[in-house]
């Protein structure tokens, strides 16, 4: 009984390995993709979770604000901070 289960397990593993090898070959390479025309830029949203981050959040948010990507959206989530995190976020927002 144990031998039969081991044999079935080995056969299934070989089948899955074969699927992995075939599937990997079917996936295209990025080298085969054409570059976009450069006119379309998708919206990129960065979500910044913050809880009691008053000493460090200003530097991080300012770095995000100085990015050169045009369609960048930054969402800051203040998760019940008990320090000055909300004040710092409001200061950077202005």
PDB file of N, CA and C in Angstrom:
ATOM      1  N   UNK A   1       0.825  -1.191   0.000  1.00  0.00           N
ATOM      2  CA  UNK A   1       0.000   0.000   0.000  1.00  0.00           C
ATOM      3  C   UNK A   1       0.872   1.258   0.000  1.00  0.00           C
ATOM      4  N   UNK A   2       1.875   1.262   0.863  1.00  0.00           N
ATOM      5  CA  UNK A   2       2.763   2.412   0.951  1.00  0.00           C
ATOM      6  C   UNK A   2       3.562   2.571  -0.338  1.00  0.00           C
ATOM      7  N   UNK A   3       3.962   1.447  -0.919  1.00  0.00           N
ATOM      8  CA  UNK A   3       4.701   1.494  -2.180  1.00  0.00           C
ATOM      9  C   UNK A   3       3.832   2.084  -3.289  1.00  0.00           C
ATOM     10  N   UNK A   4       2.573   1.714  -3.325  1.00  0.00           N
ATOM     11  CA  UNK A   4       1.654   2.218  -4.347  1.00  0.00           C
ATOM     12  C   UNK A   4       1.473   3.726  -4.211  1.00  0.00           C
ATOM     13  N   UNK A   5       1.295   4.196  -2.979  1.00  0.00           N
ATOM     14  CA  UNK A   5       1.149   5.636  -2.752  1.00  0.00           C
ATOM     15  C   UNK A   5       2.418   6.384  -3.135  1.00  0.00           C
ATOM     16  N   UNK A   6       3.560   5.810  -2.833  1.00  0.00           N
ATOM     17  CA  UNK A   6       4.833   6.439  -3.208  1.00  0.00           C
ATOM     18  C   UNK A   6       4.982   6.500  -4.720  1.00  0.00           C
ATOM     19  N   UNK A   7       4.604   5.440  -5.392  1.00  0.00           N
ATOM     20  CA  UNK A   7       4.684   5.400  -6.849  1.00  0.00           C
ATOM     21  C   UNK A   7       3.751   6.433  -7.478  1.00  0.00           C
ATOM     22  N   UNK A   8       2.541   6.541  -6.963  1.00  0.00           N
ATOM     23  CA  UNK A   8       1.584   7.534  -7.468  1.00  0.00           C
ATOM     24  C   UNK A   8       2.113   8.945  -7.234  1.00  0.00           C
ATOM     25  N   UNK A   9       2.681   9.182  -6.063  1.00  0.00           N
ATOM     26  CA  UNK A   9       3.248  10.496  -5.755  1.00  0.00           C
ATOM     27  C   UNK A   9       4.385  10.831  -6.705  1.00  0.00           C
ATOM     28  N   UNK A  10       5.257   9.873  -6.963  1.00  0.00           N
ATOM     29  CA  UNK A  10       6.374  10.109  -7.894  1.00  0.00           C
ATOM     30  C   UNK A  10       5.872  10.403  -9.301  1.00  0.00           C
ATOM     31  N   UNK A  11       4.866   9.665  -9.745  1.00  0.00           N
ATOM     32  CA  UNK A  11       4.309   9.903 -11.077  1.00  0.00           C
ATOM     33  C   UNK A  11       3.667  11.285 -11.171  1.00  0.00           C
ATOM     34  N   UNK A  12       2.963  11.683 -10.131  1.00  0.00           N
ATOM     35  CA  UNK A  12       2.364  13.019 -10.125  1.00  0.00           C
ATOM     36  C   UNK A  12       3.428  14.108 -10.128  1.00  0.00           C
ATOM     37  N   UNK A  13       4.498  13.900  -9.382  1.00  0.00           N
ATOM     38  CA  UNK A  13       5.588  14.882  -9.352  1.00  0.00           C
ATOM     39  C   UNK A  13       6.242  14.995 -10.723  1.00  0.00           C
ATOM     40  N   UNK A  14       6.447  13.866 -11.404  1.00  0.00           N
ATOM     41  CA  UNK A  14       7.010  13.900 -12.754  1.00  0.00           C
ATOM     42  C   UNK A  14       6.078  14.618 -13.724  1.00  0.00           C
ATOM     43  N   UNK A  15       4.792  14.379 -13.594  1.00  0.00           N
ATOM     44  CA  UNK A  15       3.816  15.053 -14.444  1.00  0.00           C
ATOM     45  C   UNK A  15       3.837  16.562 -14.203  1.00  0.00           C
ATOM     46  N   UNK A  16       3.869  16.966 -12.949  1.00  0.00           N
ATOM     47  CA  UNK A  16       3.917  18.391 -12.625  1.00  0.00           C
ATOM     48  C   UNK A  16       5.218  19.027 -13.096  1.00  0.00           C
ATOM     49  N   UNK A  17       6.313  18.305 -12.988  1.00  0.00           N
ATOM     50  CA  UNK A  17       7.592  18.824 -13.478  1.00  0.00           C
ATOM     51  C   UNK A  17       7.535  19.022 -14.989  1.00  0.00           C
ATOM     52  N   UNK A  18       6.938  18.066 -15.692  1.00  0.00           N
ATOM     53  CA  UNK A  18       6.782  18.196 -17.141  1.00  0.00           C
ATOM     54  C   UNK A  18       5.931  19.406 -17.500  1.00  0.00           C
ATOM     55  N   UNK A  19       4.867  19.628 -16.758  1.00  0.00           N
ATOM     56  CA  UNK A  19       4.023  20.804 -16.984  1.00  0.00           C
ATOM     57  C   UNK A  19       4.812  22.087 -16.746  1.00  0.00           C
ATOM     58  N   UNK A  20       5.651  22.091 -15.740  1.00  0.00           N
ATOM     59  CA  UNK A  20       6.479  23.257 -15.440  1.00  0.00           C
ATOM     60  C   UNK A  20       7.445  23.550 -16.578  1.00  0.00           C
ATOM     61  N   UNK A  21       8.085  22.510 -17.089  1.00  0.00           N
ATOM     62  CA  UNK A  21       9.048  22.691 -18.182  1.00  0.00           C
ATOM     63  C   UNK A  21       8.344  23.193 -19.433  1.00  0.00           C
ATOM     64  N   UNK A  22       7.230  22.574 -19.795  1.00  0.00           N
ATOM     65  CA  UNK A  22       6.493  22.987 -20.993  1.00  0.00           C
ATOM     66  C   UNK A  22       5.939  24.398 -20.808  1.00  0.00           C
ATOM     67  N   UNK A  23       5.391  24.686 -19.645  1.00  0.00           N
ATOM     68  CA  UNK A  23       4.837  26.015 -19.383  1.00  0.00           C
ATOM     69  C   UNK A  23       5.887  27.102 -19.436  1.00  0.00           C
ATOM     70  N   UNK A  24       7.074  26.806 -18.933  1.00  0.00           N
ATOM     71  CA  UNK A  24       8.158  27.787 -18.962  1.00  0.00           C
ATOM     72  C   UNK A  24       8.563  28.093 -20.389  1.00  0.00           C
ATOM     73  N   UNK A  25       8.556  27.105 -21.242  1.00  0.00           N
ATOM     74  CA  UNK A  25       8.924  27.326 -22.647  1.00  0.00           C
ATOM     75  C   UNK A  25       7.859  28.130 -23.389  1.00  0.00           C
ATOM     76  N   UNK A  26       6.611  28.027 -22.950  1.00  0.00           N
ATOM     77  CA  UNK A  26       5.529  28.741 -23.626  1.00  0.00           C
ATOM     78  C   UNK A  26       5.464  30.215 -23.241  1.00  0.00           C
ATOM     79  N   UNK A  27       6.057  30.563 -22.115  1.00  0.00           N
ATOM     80  CA  UNK A  27       6.048  31.960 -21.680  1.00  0.00           C
ATOM     81  C   UNK A  27       7.013  32.744 -22.549  1.00  0.00           C
ATOM     82  N   UNK A  28       6.536  33.826 -23.110  1.00  0.00           N
ATOM     83  CA  UNK A  28       7.380  34.642 -23.979  1.00  0.00           C
ATOM     84  C   UNK A  28       8.401  35.433 -23.185  1.00  0.00           C
ATOM     85  N   UNK A  29       9.415  35.847 -23.870  1.00  0.00           N
ATOM     86  CA  UNK A  29      10.459  36.666 -23.263  1.00  0.00           C
ATOM     87  C   UNK A  29      10.113  38.131 -23.458  1.00  0.00           C
ATOM     88  N   UNK A  30      10.544  38.975 -22.544  1.00  0.00           N
ATOM     89  CA  UNK A  30      10.320  40.407 -22.699  1.00  0.00           C
ATOM     90  C   UNK A  30      11.079  40.963 -23.894  1.00  0.00           C
ATOM     91  N   UNK A  31      12.115  40.260 -24.325  1.00  0.00           N
ATOM     92  CA  UNK A  31      12.856  40.698 -25.501  1.00  0.00           C
ATOM     93  C   UNK A  31      11.988  40.672 -26.754  1.00  0.00           C
ATOM     94  N   UNK A  32      10.963  39.823 -26.753  1.00  0.00           N
ATOM     95  CA  UNK A  32      10.095  39.704 -27.917  1.00  0.00           C
ATOM     96  C   UNK A  32       8.972  40.735 -27.927  1.00  0.00           C
ATOM     97  N   UNK A  33       8.830  41.509 -26.860  1.00  0.00           N
ATOM     98  CA  UNK A  33       7.768  42.508 -26.769  1.00  0.00           C
ATOM     99  C   UNK A  33       8.209  43.808 -27.419  1.00  0.00           C
ATOM    100  N   UNK A  34       7.262  44.463 -28.061  1.00  0.00           N
ATOM    101  CA  UNK A  34       7.561  45.751 -28.666  1.00  0.00           C
ATOM    102  C   UNK A  34       7.443  46.845 -27.613  1.00  0.00           C
ATOM    103  N   UNK A  35       8.313  47.811 -27.694  1.00  0.00           N
ATOM    104  CA  UNK A  35       8.256  48.944 -26.780  1.00  0.00           C
ATOM    105  C   UNK A  35       7.063  49.816 -27.142  1.00  0.00           C
ATOM    106  N   UNK A  36       6.466  50.436 -26.141  1.00  0.00           N
ATOM    107  CA  UNK A  36       5.333  51.315 -26.406  1.00  0.00           C
ATOM    108  C   UNK A  36       5.814  52.592 -27.078  1.00  0.00           C
ATOM    109  N   UNK A  37       4.873  53.318 -27.614  1.00  0.00           N
ATOM    110  CA  UNK A  37       5.220  54.540 -28.334  1.00  0.00           C
ATOM    111  C   UNK A  37       5.731  55.629 -27.398  1.00  0.00           C
ATOM    112  N   UNK A  38       5.554  55.454 -26.112  1.00  0.00           N
ATOM    113  CA  UNK A  38       6.066  56.428 -25.150  1.00  0.00           C
ATOM    114  C   UNK A  38       5.070  57.518 -24.804  1.00  0.00           C
ATOM    115  N   UNK A  39       3.902  57.514 -25.425  1.00  0.00           N
ATOM    116  CA  UNK A  39       2.936  58.566 -25.135  1.00  0.00           C
ATOM    117  C   UNK A  39       1.995  58.185 -24.003  1.00  0.00           C
ATOM    118  N   UNK A  40       1.776  56.914 -23.795  1.00  0.00           N
ATOM    119  CA  UNK A  40       0.846  56.476 -22.754  1.00  0.00           C
ATOM    120  C   UNK A  40       1.601  56.182 -21.466  1.00  0.00           C
ATOM    121  N   UNK A  41       1.141  56.788 -20.389  1.00  0.00           N
ATOM    122  CA  UNK A  41       1.684  56.494 -19.070  1.00  0.00           C
ATOM    123  C   UNK A  41       0.516  56.120 -18.166  1.00  0.00           C
ATOM    124  N   UNK A  42       0.519  54.918 -17.626  1.00  0.00           N
ATOM    125  CA  UNK A  42      -0.577  54.540 -16.733  1.00  0.00           C
ATOM    126  C   UNK A  42      -0.458  55.257 -15.392  1.00  0.00           C
ATOM    127  N   UNK A  43      -1.578  55.386 -14.718  1.00  0.00           N
ATOM    128  CA  UNK A  43      -1.584  55.970 -13.385  1.00  0.00           C
ATOM    129  C   UNK A  43      -0.945  54.980 -12.416  1.00  0.00           C
ATOM    130  N   UNK A  44      -0.015  55.461 -11.630  1.00  0.00           N
ATOM    131  CA  UNK A  44       0.641  54.635 -10.614  1.00  0.00           C
ATOM    132  C   UNK A  44       0.238  55.187  -9.255  1.00  0.00           C
ATOM    133  N   UNK A  45      -0.326  54.334  -8.414  1.00  0.00           N
ATOM    134  CA  UNK A  45      -0.753  54.740  -7.084  1.00  0.00           C
ATOM    135  C   UNK A  45       0.172  54.120  -6.055  1.00  0.00           C
ATOM    136  N   UNK A  46       0.696  54.963  -5.166  1.00  0.00           N
ATOM    137  CA  UNK A  46       1.537  54.497  -4.066  1.00  0.00           C
ATOM    138  C   UNK A  46       0.742  54.715  -2.788  1.00  0.00           C
ATOM    139  N   UNK A  47       0.507  53.640  -2.048  1.00  0.00           N
ATOM    140  CA  UNK A  47      -0.221  53.731  -0.784  1.00  0.00           C
ATOM    141  C   UNK A  47       0.793  53.635   0.343  1.00  0.00           C
ATOM    142  N   UNK A  48       0.793  54.648   1.209  1.00  0.00           N
ATOM    143  CA  UNK A  48       1.757  54.718   2.304  1.00  0.00           C
ATOM    144  C   UNK A  48       1.005  54.519   3.615  1.00  0.00           C
ATOM    145  N   UNK A  49       1.131  53.350   4.246  1.00  0.00           N
ATOM    146  CA  UNK A  49       0.518  53.168   5.560  1.00  0.00           C
ATOM    147  C   UNK A  49       1.408  53.795   6.626  1.00  0.00           C
ATOM    148  N   UNK A  50       0.785  54.458   7.591  1.00  0.00           N
ATOM    149  CA  UNK A  50       1.578  55.133   8.622  1.00  0.00           C
ATOM    150  C   UNK A  50       0.900  54.997   9.976  1.00  0.00           C
ATOM    151  N   UNK A  51       1.680  54.638  10.954  1.00  0.00           N
ATOM    152  CA  UNK A  51       1.209  54.613  12.339  1.00  0.00           C
ATOM    153  C   UNK A  51       2.378  55.021  13.211  1.00  0.00           C
ATOM    154  N   UNK A  52       2.236  56.164  13.853  1.00  0.00           N
ATOM    155  CA  UNK A  52       3.282  56.725  14.719  1.00  0.00           C
ATOM    156  C   UNK A  52       4.608  56.853  13.967  1.00  0.00           C
ATOM    157  N   UNK A  53       4.552  57.495  12.828  1.00  0.00           N
ATOM    158  CA  UNK A  53       5.726  57.673  11.967  1.00  0.00           C
ATOM    159  C   UNK A  53       6.178  59.126  11.901  1.00  0.00           C
ATOM    160  N   UNK A  54       5.822  59.938  12.873  1.00  0.00           N
ATOM    161  CA  UNK A  54       6.130  61.373  12.832  1.00  0.00           C
ATOM    162  C   UNK A  54       7.606  61.676  12.572  1.00  0.00           C
ATOM    163  N   UNK A  55       8.553  60.961  13.170  1.00  0.00           N
ATOM    164  CA  UNK A  55       9.961  61.312  12.937  1.00  0.00           C
ATOM    165  C   UNK A  55      10.442  61.051  11.507  1.00  0.00           C
ATOM    166  N   UNK A  56       9.800  60.142  10.787  1.00  0.00           N
ATOM    167  CA  UNK A  56      10.361  59.750   9.493  1.00  0.00           C
ATOM    168  C   UNK A  56       9.452  59.959   8.291  1.00  0.00           C
ATOM    169  N   UNK A  57       8.182  60.202   8.498  1.00  0.00           N
ATOM    170  CA  UNK A  57       7.268  60.215   7.350  1.00  0.00           C
ATOM    171  C   UNK A  57       7.461  61.431   6.452  1.00  0.00           C
ATOM    172  N   UNK A  58       7.890  62.548   7.009  1.00  0.00           N
ATOM    173  CA  UNK A  58       8.064  63.743   6.179  1.00  0.00           C
ATOM    174  C   UNK A  58       9.097  63.510   5.080  1.00  0.00           C
ATOM    175  N   UNK A  59      10.216  62.938   5.437  1.00  0.00           N
ATOM    176  CA  UNK A  59      11.270  62.680   4.449  1.00  0.00           C
ATOM    177  C   UNK A  59      10.773  61.724   3.360  1.00  0.00           C
ATOM    178  N   UNK A  60      10.063  60.695   3.747  1.00  0.00           N
ATOM    179  CA  UNK A  60       9.554  59.734   2.771  1.00  0.00           C
ATOM    180  C   UNK A  60       8.527  60.343   1.834  1.00  0.00           C
ATOM    181  N   UNK A  61       7.604  61.138   2.385  1.00  0.00           N
ATOM    182  CA  UNK A  61       6.586  61.760   1.543  1.00  0.00           C
ATOM    183  C   UNK A  61       7.188  62.800   0.611  1.00  0.00           C
ATOM    184  N   UNK A  62       8.151  63.553   1.097  1.00  0.00           N
ATOM    185  CA  UNK A  62       8.804  64.551   0.235  1.00  0.00           C
ATOM    186  C   UNK A  62       9.553  63.854  -0.910  1.00  0.00           C
ATOM    187  N   UNK A  63      10.155  62.717  -0.623  1.00  0.00           N
ATOM    188  CA  UNK A  63      10.839  61.966  -1.680  1.00  0.00           C
ATOM    189  C   UNK A  63       9.838  61.496  -2.736  1.00  0.00           C
ATOM    190  N   UNK A  64       8.666  61.053  -2.299  1.00  0.00           N
ATOM    191  CA  UNK A  64       7.633  60.644  -3.253  1.00  0.00           C
ATOM    192  C   UNK A  64       7.134  61.832  -4.071  1.00  0.00           C
ATOM    193  N   UNK A  65       7.015  62.989  -3.436  1.00  0.00           N
ATOM    194  CA  UNK A  65       6.527  64.186  -4.142  1.00  0.00           C
ATOM    195  C   UNK A  65       7.517  64.676  -5.189  1.00  0.00           C
ATOM    196  N   UNK A  66       8.779  64.365  -5.043  1.00  0.00           N
ATOM    197  CA  UNK A  66       9.797  64.830  -5.979  1.00  0.00           C
ATOM    198  C   UNK A  66      10.060  63.846  -7.124  1.00  0.00           C
ATOM    199  N   UNK A  67       9.221  62.843  -7.265  1.00  0.00           N
ATOM    200  CA  UNK A  67       9.372  61.906  -8.374  1.00  0.00           C
ATOM    201  C   UNK A  67       9.032  62.609  -9.686  1.00  0.00           C
ATOM    202  N   UNK A  68       9.633  62.180 -10.761  1.00  0.00           N
ATOM    203  CA  UNK A  68       9.417  62.827 -12.054  1.00  0.00           C
ATOM    204  C   UNK A  68       8.300  62.175 -12.869  1.00  0.00           C
ATOM    205  N   UNK A  69       7.792  61.058 -12.417  1.00  0.00           N
ATOM    206  CA  UNK A  69       6.705  60.392 -13.139  1.00  0.00           C
ATOM    207  C   UNK A  69       5.460  61.266 -13.049  1.00  0.00           C
ATOM    208  N   UNK A  70       4.844  61.552 -14.188  1.00  0.00           N
ATOM    209  CA  UNK A  70       3.750  62.520 -14.225  1.00  0.00           C
ATOM    210  C   UNK A  70       2.454  62.015 -13.608  1.00  0.00           C
ATOM    211  N   UNK A  71       2.125  60.771 -13.815  1.00  0.00           N
ATOM    212  CA  UNK A  71       0.842  60.248 -13.345  1.00  0.00           C
ATOM    213  C   UNK A  71       1.024  59.439 -12.061  1.00  0.00           C
ATOM    214  N   UNK A  72       1.547  60.100 -11.050  1.00  0.00           N
ATOM    215  CA  UNK A  72       1.788  59.454  -9.760  1.00  0.00           C
ATOM    216  C   UNK A  72       0.767  59.965  -8.755  1.00  0.00           C
ATOM    217  N   UNK A  73       0.122  59.042  -8.088  1.00  0.00           N
ATOM    218  CA  UNK A  73      -0.862  59.366  -7.062  1.00  0.00           C
ATOM    219  C   UNK A  73      -0.349  58.777  -5.750  1.00  0.00           C
ATOM    220  N   UNK A  74      -0.322  59.590  -4.700  1.00  0.00           N
ATOM    221  CA  UNK A  74       0.155  59.132  -3.397  1.00  0.00           C
ATOM    222  C   UNK A  74      -1.014  59.191  -2.423  1.00  0.00           C
ATOM    223  N   UNK A  75      -1.302  58.067  -1.805  1.00  0.00           N
ATOM    224  CA  UNK A  75      -2.355  57.982  -0.795  1.00  0.00           C
ATOM    225  C   UNK A  75      -1.694  57.612   0.520  1.00  0.00           C
ATOM    226  N   UNK A  76      -1.901  58.443   1.538  1.00  0.00           N
ATOM    227  CA  UNK A  76      -1.330  58.180   2.857  1.00  0.00           C
ATOM    228  C   UNK A  76      -2.464  57.757   3.777  1.00  0.00           C
ATOM    229  N   UNK A  77      -2.288  56.621   4.430  1.00  0.00           N
ATOM    230  CA  UNK A  77      -3.287  56.099   5.354  1.00  0.00           C
ATOM    231  C   UNK A  77      -2.719  56.215   6.760  1.00  0.00           C
ATOM    232  N   UNK A  78      -3.328  57.086   7.571  1.00  0.00           N
ATOM    233  CA  UNK A  78      -2.899  57.271   8.951  1.00  0.00           C
ATOM    234  C   UNK A  78      -3.692  56.303   9.822  1.00  0.00           C
ATOM    235  N   UNK A  79      -3.027  55.311  10.348  1.00  0.00           N
ATOM    236  CA  UNK A  79      -3.684  54.230  11.085  1.00  0.00           C
ATOM    237  C   UNK A  79      -3.657  54.494  12.587  1.00  0.00           C
ATOM    238  N   UNK A  80      -4.508  55.388  13.038  1.00  0.00           N
ATOM    239  CA  UNK A  80      -4.698  55.689  14.468  1.00  0.00           C
ATOM    240  C   UNK A  80      -3.403  56.072  15.172  1.00  0.00           C
ATOM    241  N   UNK A  81      -2.651  56.946  14.580  1.00  0.00           N
ATOM    242  CA  UNK A  81      -1.397  57.385  15.201  1.00  0.00           C
ATOM    243  C   UNK A  81      -1.691  58.189  16.458  1.00  0.00           C
ATOM    244  N   UNK A  82      -0.822  58.024  17.442  1.00  0.00           N
ATOM    245  CA  UNK A  82      -0.970  58.775  18.691  1.00  0.00           C
ATOM    246  C   UNK A  82       0.083  59.868  18.812  1.00  0.00           C
ATOM    247  N   UNK A  83       0.925  60.002  17.814  1.00  0.00           N
ATOM    248  CA  UNK A  83       1.933  61.063  17.832  1.00  0.00           C
ATOM    249  C   UNK A  83       1.530  62.146  16.819  1.00  0.00           C
ATOM    250  N   UNK A  84       2.447  62.877  16.302  1.00  0.00           N
ATOM    251  CA  UNK A  84       2.185  63.998  15.404  1.00  0.00           C
ATOM    252  C   UNK A  84       2.130  63.586  13.930  1.00  0.00           C
ATOM    253  N   UNK A  85       1.916  62.341  13.638  1.00  0.00           N
ATOM    254  CA  UNK A  85       1.930  61.869  12.253  1.00  0.00           C
ATOM    255  C   UNK A  85       0.925  62.621  11.390  1.00  0.00           C
ATOM    256  N   UNK A  86      -0.294  62.803  11.875  1.00  0.00           N
ATOM    257  CA  UNK A  86      -1.324  63.495  11.088  1.00  0.00           C
ATOM    258  C   UNK A  86      -0.906  64.929  10.780  1.00  0.00           C
ATOM    259  N   UNK A  87      -0.299  65.602  11.744  1.00  0.00           N
ATOM    260  CA  UNK A  87       0.157  66.982  11.526  1.00  0.00           C
ATOM    261  C   UNK A  87       1.252  67.038  10.466  1.00  0.00           C
ATOM    262  N   UNK A  88       2.175  66.096  10.517  1.00  0.00           N
ATOM    263  CA  UNK A  88       3.270  66.068   9.543  1.00  0.00           C
ATOM    264  C   UNK A  88       2.719  65.792   8.147  1.00  0.00           C
ATOM    265  N   UNK A  89       1.768  64.888   8.043  1.00  0.00           N
ATOM    266  CA  UNK A  89       1.155  64.585   6.748  1.00  0.00           C
ATOM    267  C   UNK A  89       0.469  65.831   6.193  1.00  0.00           C
ATOM    268  N   UNK A  90      -0.281  66.528   7.047  1.00  0.00           N
ATOM    269  CA  UNK A  90      -0.963  67.750   6.606  1.00  0.00           C
ATOM    270  C   UNK A  90       0.042  68.819   6.175  1.00  0.00           C
ATOM    271  N   UNK A  91       1.155  68.906   6.875  1.00  0.00           N
ATOM    272  CA  UNK A  91       2.197  69.887   6.534  1.00  0.00           C
ATOM    273  C   UNK A  91       2.787  69.593   5.155  1.00  0.00           C
ATOM    274  N   UNK A  92       3.061  68.342   4.873  1.00  0.00           N
ATOM    275  CA  UNK A  92       3.641  67.965   3.583  1.00  0.00           C
ATOM    276  C   UNK A  92       2.611  68.156   2.471  1.00  0.00           C
ATOM    277  N   UNK A  93       1.362  67.949   2.782  1.00  0.00           N
ATOM    278  CA  UNK A  93       0.299  68.065   1.776  1.00  0.00           C
ATOM    279  C   UNK A  93       0.202  69.481   1.230  1.00  0.00           C
ATOM    280  N   UNK A  94       0.479  70.477   2.053  1.00  0.00           N
ATOM    281  CA  UNK A  94       0.372  71.872   1.611  1.00  0.00           C
ATOM    282  C   UNK A  94       1.438  72.189   0.689  1.00  0.00           C
TER     283      UNK A  94
END
